[in-house]
Structure formats: C-alpha cells, structure tokens
C-alpha cells in the first residue's frame, strides 16, 4: 500500500521544496517525527523512527521493506 506522507517546513528554502523522497516509512513513524520537529526529546518507549534526518537529507534511507497488515471484522 502506498500513501503519501507530506511534510512542509517553512524554514526550508523554496528551491528545496517539493522534493520527493523514496524512503519507506510506517504510520508509527509519524509521532516520533512530529515530536522531533517540535524540538522535544523522543520518549524511549515510543515506537517508530524519527524520519527528520531522511527528510532533511542528512541520512540515507534506513529501511528496505515495511510490513503492514489489515484485519477485517465481520459485519453483523
């Protein structure tokens, strides 16, 4: 499943905006990324990875695969 993760940082120069990053992410990565952008310490027990270094291009992609699942519940 592909779903875009859109980040806007007004501090980024206009010439560097609109870039597409092919890095893989999971929905659990959203929380630590937002906490990091807010300048706060990411709690040790928070799941997911901070994607700020990937977004800011200071680190290469970390993942080569992401696994997800979706379970359905029968309607009654």
PDB file of N, CA and C in Angstrom:
ATOM      1  N   UNK A   1       0.841  -1.156   0.000  1.00  0.00           N
ATOM      2  CA  UNK A   1       0.000   0.000   0.000  1.00  0.00           C
ATOM      3  C   UNK A   1       0.900   1.237   0.000  1.00  0.00           C
ATOM      4  N   UNK A   2       0.576   2.185  -0.850  1.00  0.00           N
ATOM      5  CA  UNK A   2       1.322   3.439  -0.899  1.00  0.00           C
ATOM      6  C   UNK A   2       0.414   4.570  -0.455  1.00  0.00           C
ATOM      7  N   UNK A   3       0.930   5.385   0.439  1.00  0.00           N
ATOM      8  CA  UNK A   3       0.199   6.574   0.887  1.00  0.00           C
ATOM      9  C   UNK A   3       1.230   7.680   1.082  1.00  0.00           C
ATOM     10  N   UNK A   4       0.981   8.867   0.575  1.00  0.00           N
ATOM     11  CA  UNK A   4       1.966   9.936   0.710  1.00  0.00           C
ATOM     12  C   UNK A   4       2.053  10.449   2.140  1.00  0.00           C
ATOM     13  N   UNK A   5       3.234  10.816   2.539  1.00  0.00           N
ATOM     14  CA  UNK A   5       3.487  11.473   3.819  1.00  0.00           C
ATOM     15  C   UNK A   5       4.043  12.837   3.454  1.00  0.00           C
ATOM     16  N   UNK A   6       3.248  13.872   3.637  1.00  0.00           N
ATOM     17  CA  UNK A   6       3.619  15.208   3.188  1.00  0.00           C
ATOM     18  C   UNK A   6       4.083  16.036   4.380  1.00  0.00           C
ATOM     19  N   UNK A   7       5.261  16.625   4.245  1.00  0.00           N
ATOM     20  CA  UNK A   7       5.832  17.459   5.292  1.00  0.00           C
ATOM     21  C   UNK A   7       6.119  18.828   4.700  1.00  0.00           C
ATOM     22  N   UNK A   8       5.667  19.866   5.375  1.00  0.00           N
ATOM     23  CA  UNK A   8       6.004  21.228   4.960  1.00  0.00           C
ATOM     24  C   UNK A   8       6.731  21.900   6.106  1.00  0.00           C
ATOM     25  N   UNK A   9       7.898  22.399   5.825  1.00  0.00           N
ATOM     26  CA  UNK A   9       8.698  23.138   6.799  1.00  0.00           C
ATOM     27  C   UNK A   9       9.024  24.483   6.177  1.00  0.00           C
ATOM     28  N   UNK A  10       8.397  25.532   6.660  1.00  0.00           N
ATOM     29  CA  UNK A  10       8.585  26.865   6.107  1.00  0.00           C
ATOM     30  C   UNK A  10      10.007  27.379   6.209  1.00  0.00           C
ATOM     31  N   UNK A  11      10.836  26.721   7.003  1.00  0.00           N
ATOM     32  CA  UNK A  11      12.242  27.137   7.142  1.00  0.00           C
ATOM     33  C   UNK A  11      13.097  26.666   5.970  1.00  0.00           C
ATOM     34  N   UNK A  12      12.566  25.754   5.172  1.00  0.00           N
ATOM     35  CA  UNK A  12      13.309  25.209   4.033  1.00  0.00           C
ATOM     36  C   UNK A  12      13.239  26.203   2.871  1.00  0.00           C
ATOM     37  N   UNK A  13      14.364  26.404   2.222  1.00  0.00           N
ATOM     38  CA  UNK A  13      14.410  27.330   1.087  1.00  0.00           C
ATOM     39  C   UNK A  13      13.455  26.879  -0.012  1.00  0.00           C
ATOM     40  N   UNK A  14      12.832  27.823  -0.700  1.00  0.00           N
ATOM     41  CA  UNK A  14      11.860  27.499  -1.748  1.00  0.00           C
ATOM     42  C   UNK A  14      12.458  26.591  -2.821  1.00  0.00           C
ATOM     43  N   UNK A  15      13.728  26.769  -3.103  1.00  0.00           N
ATOM     44  CA  UNK A  15      14.376  25.948  -4.131  1.00  0.00           C
ATOM     45  C   UNK A  15      14.442  24.475  -3.734  1.00  0.00           C
ATOM     46  N   UNK A  16      14.392  24.189  -2.440  1.00  0.00           N
ATOM     47  CA  UNK A  16      14.490  22.815  -1.954  1.00  0.00           C
ATOM     48  C   UNK A  16      13.133  22.195  -1.651  1.00  0.00           C
ATOM     49  N   UNK A  17      12.053  22.934  -1.861  1.00  0.00           N
ATOM     50  CA  UNK A  17      10.713  22.418  -1.578  1.00  0.00           C
ATOM     51  C   UNK A  17      10.193  21.573  -2.749  1.00  0.00           C
ATOM     52  N   UNK A  18       9.212  20.744  -2.457  1.00  0.00           N
ATOM     53  CA  UNK A  18       8.583  19.940  -3.496  1.00  0.00           C
ATOM     54  C   UNK A  18       9.366  18.703  -3.879  1.00  0.00           C
ATOM     55  N   UNK A  19      10.301  18.318  -3.053  1.00  0.00           N
ATOM     56  CA  UNK A  19      11.131  17.142  -3.329  1.00  0.00           C
ATOM     57  C   UNK A  19      10.387  15.877  -2.928  1.00  0.00           C
ATOM     58  N   UNK A  20      10.555  14.841  -3.720  1.00  0.00           N
ATOM     59  CA  UNK A  20      10.004  13.526  -3.384  1.00  0.00           C
ATOM     60  C   UNK A  20      11.120  12.654  -2.853  1.00  0.00           C
ATOM     61  N   UNK A  21      10.841  12.001  -1.762  1.00  0.00           N
ATOM     62  CA  UNK A  21      11.826  11.125  -1.124  1.00  0.00           C
ATOM     63  C   UNK A  21      11.314   9.695  -1.218  1.00  0.00           C
ATOM     64  N   UNK A  22      12.088   8.786  -1.796  1.00  0.00           N
ATOM     65  CA  UNK A  22      11.612   7.411  -1.964  1.00  0.00           C
ATOM     66  C   UNK A  22      11.731   6.540  -0.710  1.00  0.00           C
ATOM     67  N   UNK A  23      12.047   7.137   0.430  1.00  0.00           N
ATOM     68  CA  UNK A  23      12.221   6.354   1.654  1.00  0.00           C
ATOM     69  C   UNK A  23      10.919   5.683   2.066  1.00  0.00           C
ATOM     70  N   UNK A  24      11.046   4.503   2.624  1.00  0.00           N
ATOM     71  CA  UNK A  24       9.890   3.784   3.149  1.00  0.00           C
ATOM     72  C   UNK A  24       9.634   4.222   4.578  1.00  0.00           C
ATOM     73  N   UNK A  25       8.368   4.332   4.910  1.00  0.00           N
ATOM     74  CA  UNK A  25       8.005   4.692   6.276  1.00  0.00           C
ATOM     75  C   UNK A  25       6.783   3.893   6.691  1.00  0.00           C
ATOM     76  N   UNK A  26       6.514   3.917   7.976  1.00  0.00           N
ATOM     77  CA  UNK A  26       5.337   3.272   8.527  1.00  0.00           C
ATOM     78  C   UNK A  26       4.549   4.324   9.298  1.00  0.00           C
ATOM     79  N   UNK A  27       3.276   4.076   9.519  1.00  0.00           N
ATOM     80  CA  UNK A  27       2.462   5.056  10.237  1.00  0.00           C
ATOM     81  C   UNK A  27       2.987   5.310  11.650  1.00  0.00           C
ATOM     82  N   UNK A  28       3.687   4.346  12.249  1.00  0.00           N
ATOM     83  CA  UNK A  28       4.245   4.565  13.589  1.00  0.00           C
ATOM     84  C   UNK A  28       5.397   5.569  13.573  1.00  0.00           C
ATOM     85  N   UNK A  29       5.913   5.907  12.396  1.00  0.00           N
ATOM     86  CA  UNK A  29       6.999   6.875  12.298  1.00  0.00           C
ATOM     87  C   UNK A  29       6.512   8.324  12.392  1.00  0.00           C
ATOM     88  N   UNK A  30       5.209   8.535  12.231  1.00  0.00           N
ATOM     89  CA  UNK A  30       4.674   9.902  12.241  1.00  0.00           C
ATOM     90  C   UNK A  30       4.891  10.568  13.596  1.00  0.00           C
ATOM     91  N   UNK A  31       4.536   9.902  14.679  1.00  0.00           N
ATOM     92  CA  UNK A  31       4.643  10.507  16.013  1.00  0.00           C
ATOM     93  C   UNK A  31       6.070  10.915  16.371  1.00  0.00           C
ATOM     94  N   UNK A  32       7.067  10.024  16.262  1.00  0.00           N
ATOM     95  CA  UNK A  32       8.416  10.464  16.622  1.00  0.00           C
ATOM     96  C   UNK A  32       8.953  11.565  15.701  1.00  0.00           C
ATOM     97  N   UNK A  33       8.512  11.590  14.461  1.00  0.00           N
ATOM     98  CA  UNK A  33       8.948  12.640  13.536  1.00  0.00           C
ATOM     99  C   UNK A  33       8.381  13.990  13.957  1.00  0.00           C
ATOM    100  N   UNK A  34       7.104  14.030  14.321  1.00  0.00           N
ATOM    101  CA  UNK A  34       6.489  15.280  14.773  1.00  0.00           C
ATOM    102  C   UNK A  34       7.114  15.751  16.083  1.00  0.00           C
ATOM    103  N   UNK A  35       7.356  14.825  17.001  1.00  0.00           N
ATOM    104  CA  UNK A  35       7.997  15.182  18.272  1.00  0.00           C
ATOM    105  C   UNK A  35       9.375  15.783  18.016  1.00  0.00           C
ATOM    106  N   UNK A  36      10.118  15.199  17.104  1.00  0.00           N
ATOM    107  CA  UNK A  36      11.445  15.705  16.764  1.00  0.00           C
ATOM    108  C   UNK A  36      11.368  17.102  16.148  1.00  0.00           C
ATOM    109  N   UNK A  37      10.442  17.304  15.218  1.00  0.00           N
ATOM    110  CA  UNK A  37      10.279  18.624  14.603  1.00  0.00           C
ATOM    111  C   UNK A  37       9.889  19.676  15.637  1.00  0.00           C
ATOM    112  N   UNK A  38       9.199  19.258  16.690  1.00  0.00           N
ATOM    113  CA  UNK A  38       8.802  20.187  17.752  1.00  0.00           C
ATOM    114  C   UNK A  38       9.969  20.512  18.682  1.00  0.00           C
ATOM    115  N   UNK A  39      11.095  19.845  18.471  1.00  0.00           N
ATOM    116  CA  UNK A  39      12.275  20.110  19.292  1.00  0.00           C
ATOM    117  C   UNK A  39      12.263  19.417  20.638  1.00  0.00           C
ATOM    118  N   UNK A  40      11.409  18.398  20.774  1.00  0.00           N
ATOM    119  CA  UNK A  40      11.298  17.673  22.027  1.00  0.00           C
ATOM    120  C   UNK A  40      12.068  16.366  21.966  1.00  0.00           C
ATOM    121  N   UNK A  41      12.366  15.811  23.135  1.00  0.00           N
ATOM    122  CA  UNK A  41      13.040  14.524  23.206  1.00  0.00           C
ATOM    123  C   UNK A  41      12.023  13.423  22.936  1.00  0.00           C
ATOM    124  N   UNK A  42      12.376  12.514  22.073  1.00  0.00           N
ATOM    125  CA  UNK A  42      11.501  11.379  21.764  1.00  0.00           C
ATOM    126  C   UNK A  42      11.592  10.392  22.917  1.00  0.00           C
ATOM    127  N   UNK A  43      10.464  10.049  23.533  1.00  0.00           N
ATOM    128  CA  UNK A  43      10.492   9.088  24.644  1.00  0.00           C
ATOM    129  C   UNK A  43      11.082   7.749  24.196  1.00  0.00           C
ATOM    130  N   UNK A  44      11.814   7.120  25.098  1.00  0.00           N
ATOM    131  CA  UNK A  44      12.448   5.837  24.782  1.00  0.00           C
ATOM    132  C   UNK A  44      11.429   4.758  24.444  1.00  0.00           C
ATOM    133  N   UNK A  45      10.235   4.858  25.014  1.00  0.00           N
ATOM    134  CA  UNK A  45       9.241   3.811  24.773  1.00  0.00           C
ATOM    135  C   UNK A  45       8.347   4.095  23.572  1.00  0.00           C
ATOM    136  N   UNK A  46       8.611   5.180  22.835  1.00  0.00           N
ATOM    137  CA  UNK A  46       7.801   5.500  21.651  1.00  0.00           C
ATOM    138  C   UNK A  46       8.233   4.620  20.480  1.00  0.00           C
ATOM    139  N   UNK A  47       7.259   3.992  19.859  1.00  0.00           N
ATOM    140  CA  UNK A  47       7.554   3.156  18.700  1.00  0.00           C
ATOM    141  C   UNK A  47       7.769   4.023  17.471  1.00  0.00           C
ATOM    142  N   UNK A  48       8.415   3.466  16.486  1.00  0.00           N
ATOM    143  CA  UNK A  48       8.645   4.166  15.230  1.00  0.00           C
ATOM    144  C   UNK A  48      10.001   4.835  15.199  1.00  0.00           C
ATOM    145  N   UNK A  49      10.327   5.375  14.042  1.00  0.00           N
ATOM    146  CA  UNK A  49      11.619   6.029  13.830  1.00  0.00           C
ATOM    147  C   UNK A  49      11.405   7.491  13.464  1.00  0.00           C
ATOM    148  N   UNK A  50      12.315   8.307  13.920  1.00  0.00           N
ATOM    149  CA  UNK A  50      12.301   9.721  13.556  1.00  0.00           C
ATOM    150  C   UNK A  50      12.797   9.841  12.120  1.00  0.00           C
ATOM    151  N   UNK A  51      11.958  10.358  11.241  1.00  0.00           N
ATOM    152  CA  UNK A  51      12.325  10.485   9.832  1.00  0.00           C
ATOM    153  C   UNK A  51      12.951  11.842   9.495  1.00  0.00           C
ATOM    154  N   UNK A  52      13.136  12.701  10.499  1.00  0.00           N
ATOM    155  CA  UNK A  52      13.704  14.027  10.261  1.00  0.00           C
ATOM    156  C   UNK A  52      15.033  13.963   9.508  1.00  0.00           C
ATOM    157  N   UNK A  53      15.981  13.096   9.884  1.00  0.00           N
ATOM    158  CA  UNK A  53      17.247  13.053   9.139  1.00  0.00           C
ATOM    159  C   UNK A  53      17.065  12.667   7.666  1.00  0.00           C
ATOM    160  N   UNK A  54      16.105  11.817   7.380  1.00  0.00           N
ATOM    161  CA  UNK A  54      15.843  11.425   5.991  1.00  0.00           C
ATOM    162  C   UNK A  54      15.214  12.596   5.235  1.00  0.00           C
ATOM    163  N   UNK A  55      14.240  13.262   5.885  1.00  0.00           N
ATOM    164  CA  UNK A  55      13.564  14.396   5.262  1.00  0.00           C
ATOM    165  C   UNK A  55      14.554  15.533   4.990  1.00  0.00           C
ATOM    166  N   UNK A  56      15.458  15.770   5.939  1.00  0.00           N
ATOM    167  CA  UNK A  56      16.432  16.850   5.792  1.00  0.00           C
ATOM    168  C   UNK A  56      17.660  16.433   4.975  1.00  0.00           C
ATOM    169  N   UNK A  57      17.634  15.226   4.478  1.00  0.00           N
ATOM    170  CA  UNK A  57      18.707  14.671   3.643  1.00  0.00           C
ATOM    171  C   UNK A  57      20.058  14.647   4.352  1.00  0.00           C
ATOM    172  N   UNK A  58      20.049  14.409   5.660  1.00  0.00           N
ATOM    173  CA  UNK A  58      21.302  14.262   6.401  1.00  0.00           C
ATOM    174  C   UNK A  58      21.598  12.787   6.667  1.00  0.00           C
ATOM    175  N   UNK A  59      20.683  11.924   6.245  1.00  0.00           N
ATOM    176  CA  UNK A  59      20.857  10.483   6.425  1.00  0.00           C
ATOM    177  C   UNK A  59      20.160   9.765   5.282  1.00  0.00           C
ATOM    178  N   UNK A  60      20.740   8.668   4.844  1.00  0.00           N
ATOM    179  CA  UNK A  60      20.127   7.869   3.779  1.00  0.00           C
ATOM    180  C   UNK A  60      18.923   7.103   4.316  1.00  0.00           C
ATOM    181  N   UNK A  61      18.171   6.554   3.375  1.00  0.00           N
ATOM    182  CA  UNK A  61      17.034   5.719   3.746  1.00  0.00           C
ATOM    183  C   UNK A  61      17.490   4.600   4.656  1.00  0.00           C
ATOM    184  N   UNK A  62      16.670   4.282   5.637  1.00  0.00           N
ATOM    185  CA  UNK A  62      17.023   3.244   6.608  1.00  0.00           C
ATOM    186  C   UNK A  62      16.406   1.895   6.285  1.00  0.00           C
ATOM    187  N   UNK A  63      15.244   1.896   5.687  1.00  0.00           N
ATOM    188  CA  UNK A  63      14.506   0.657   5.505  1.00  0.00           C
ATOM    189  C   UNK A  63      14.535   0.184   4.062  1.00  0.00           C
ATOM    190  N   UNK A  64      14.489  -1.129   3.927  1.00  0.00           N
ATOM    191  CA  UNK A  64      14.388  -1.732   2.602  1.00  0.00           C
ATOM    192  C   UNK A  64      13.031  -2.404   2.421  1.00  0.00           C
ATOM    193  N   UNK A  65      12.279  -2.511   3.536  1.00  0.00           N
ATOM    194  CA  UNK A  65      10.941  -3.106   3.479  1.00  0.00           C
ATOM    195  C   UNK A  65      10.125  -2.624   4.669  1.00  0.00           C
ATOM    196  N   UNK A  66       8.817  -2.557   4.486  1.00  0.00           N
ATOM    197  CA  UNK A  66       7.882  -2.236   5.560  1.00  0.00           C
ATOM    198  C   UNK A  66       6.761  -3.260   5.478  1.00  0.00           C
ATOM    199  N   UNK A  67       6.404  -3.799   6.614  1.00  0.00           N
ATOM    200  CA  UNK A  67       5.355  -4.810   6.668  1.00  0.00           C
ATOM    201  C   UNK A  67       4.132  -4.202   7.346  1.00  0.00           C
ATOM    202  N   UNK A  68       2.977  -4.401   6.743  1.00  0.00           N
ATOM    203  CA  UNK A  68       1.744  -3.933   7.363  1.00  0.00           C
ATOM    204  C   UNK A  68       0.673  -4.975   7.168  1.00  0.00           C
ATOM    205  N   UNK A  69      -0.371  -4.871   7.955  1.00  0.00           N
ATOM    206  CA  UNK A  69      -1.493  -5.773   7.797  1.00  0.00           C
ATOM    207  C   UNK A  69      -2.771  -5.037   8.095  1.00  0.00           C
ATOM    208  N   UNK A  70      -3.838  -5.591   7.594  1.00  0.00           N
ATOM    209  CA  UNK A  70      -5.163  -5.024   7.835  1.00  0.00           C
ATOM    210  C   UNK A  70      -6.084  -6.185   8.119  1.00  0.00           C
ATOM    211  N   UNK A  71      -6.754  -6.077   9.224  1.00  0.00           N
ATOM    212  CA  UNK A  71      -7.674  -7.144   9.605  1.00  0.00           C
ATOM    213  C   UNK A  71      -9.096  -6.636   9.485  1.00  0.00           C
ATOM    214  N   UNK A  72      -9.951  -7.475   8.991  1.00  0.00           N
ATOM    215  CA  UNK A  72     -11.361  -7.112   8.874  1.00  0.00           C
ATOM    216  C   UNK A  72     -12.176  -7.772   9.951  1.00  0.00           C
ATOM    217  N   UNK A  73     -13.280  -7.159  10.269  1.00  0.00           N
ATOM    218  CA  UNK A  73     -14.192  -7.731  11.246  1.00  0.00           C
ATOM    219  C   UNK A  73     -15.525  -7.973  10.537  1.00  0.00           C
ATOM    220  N   UNK A  74     -16.119  -9.116  10.738  1.00  0.00           N
ATOM    221  CA  UNK A  74     -17.391  -9.400  10.067  1.00  0.00           C
ATOM    222  C   UNK A  74     -18.469  -8.421  10.549  1.00  0.00           C
ATOM    223  N   UNK A  75     -19.271  -7.992   9.609  1.00  0.00           N
ATOM    224  CA  UNK A  75     -20.372  -7.100   9.976  1.00  0.00           C
ATOM    225  C   UNK A  75     -21.553  -7.924  10.465  1.00  0.00           C
ATOM    226  N   UNK A  76     -22.212  -7.413  11.454  1.00  0.00           N
ATOM    227  CA  UNK A  76     -23.369  -8.141  11.994  1.00  0.00           C
ATOM    228  C   UNK A  76     -24.626  -7.361  11.776  1.00  0.00           C
TER     229      UNK A  76
END
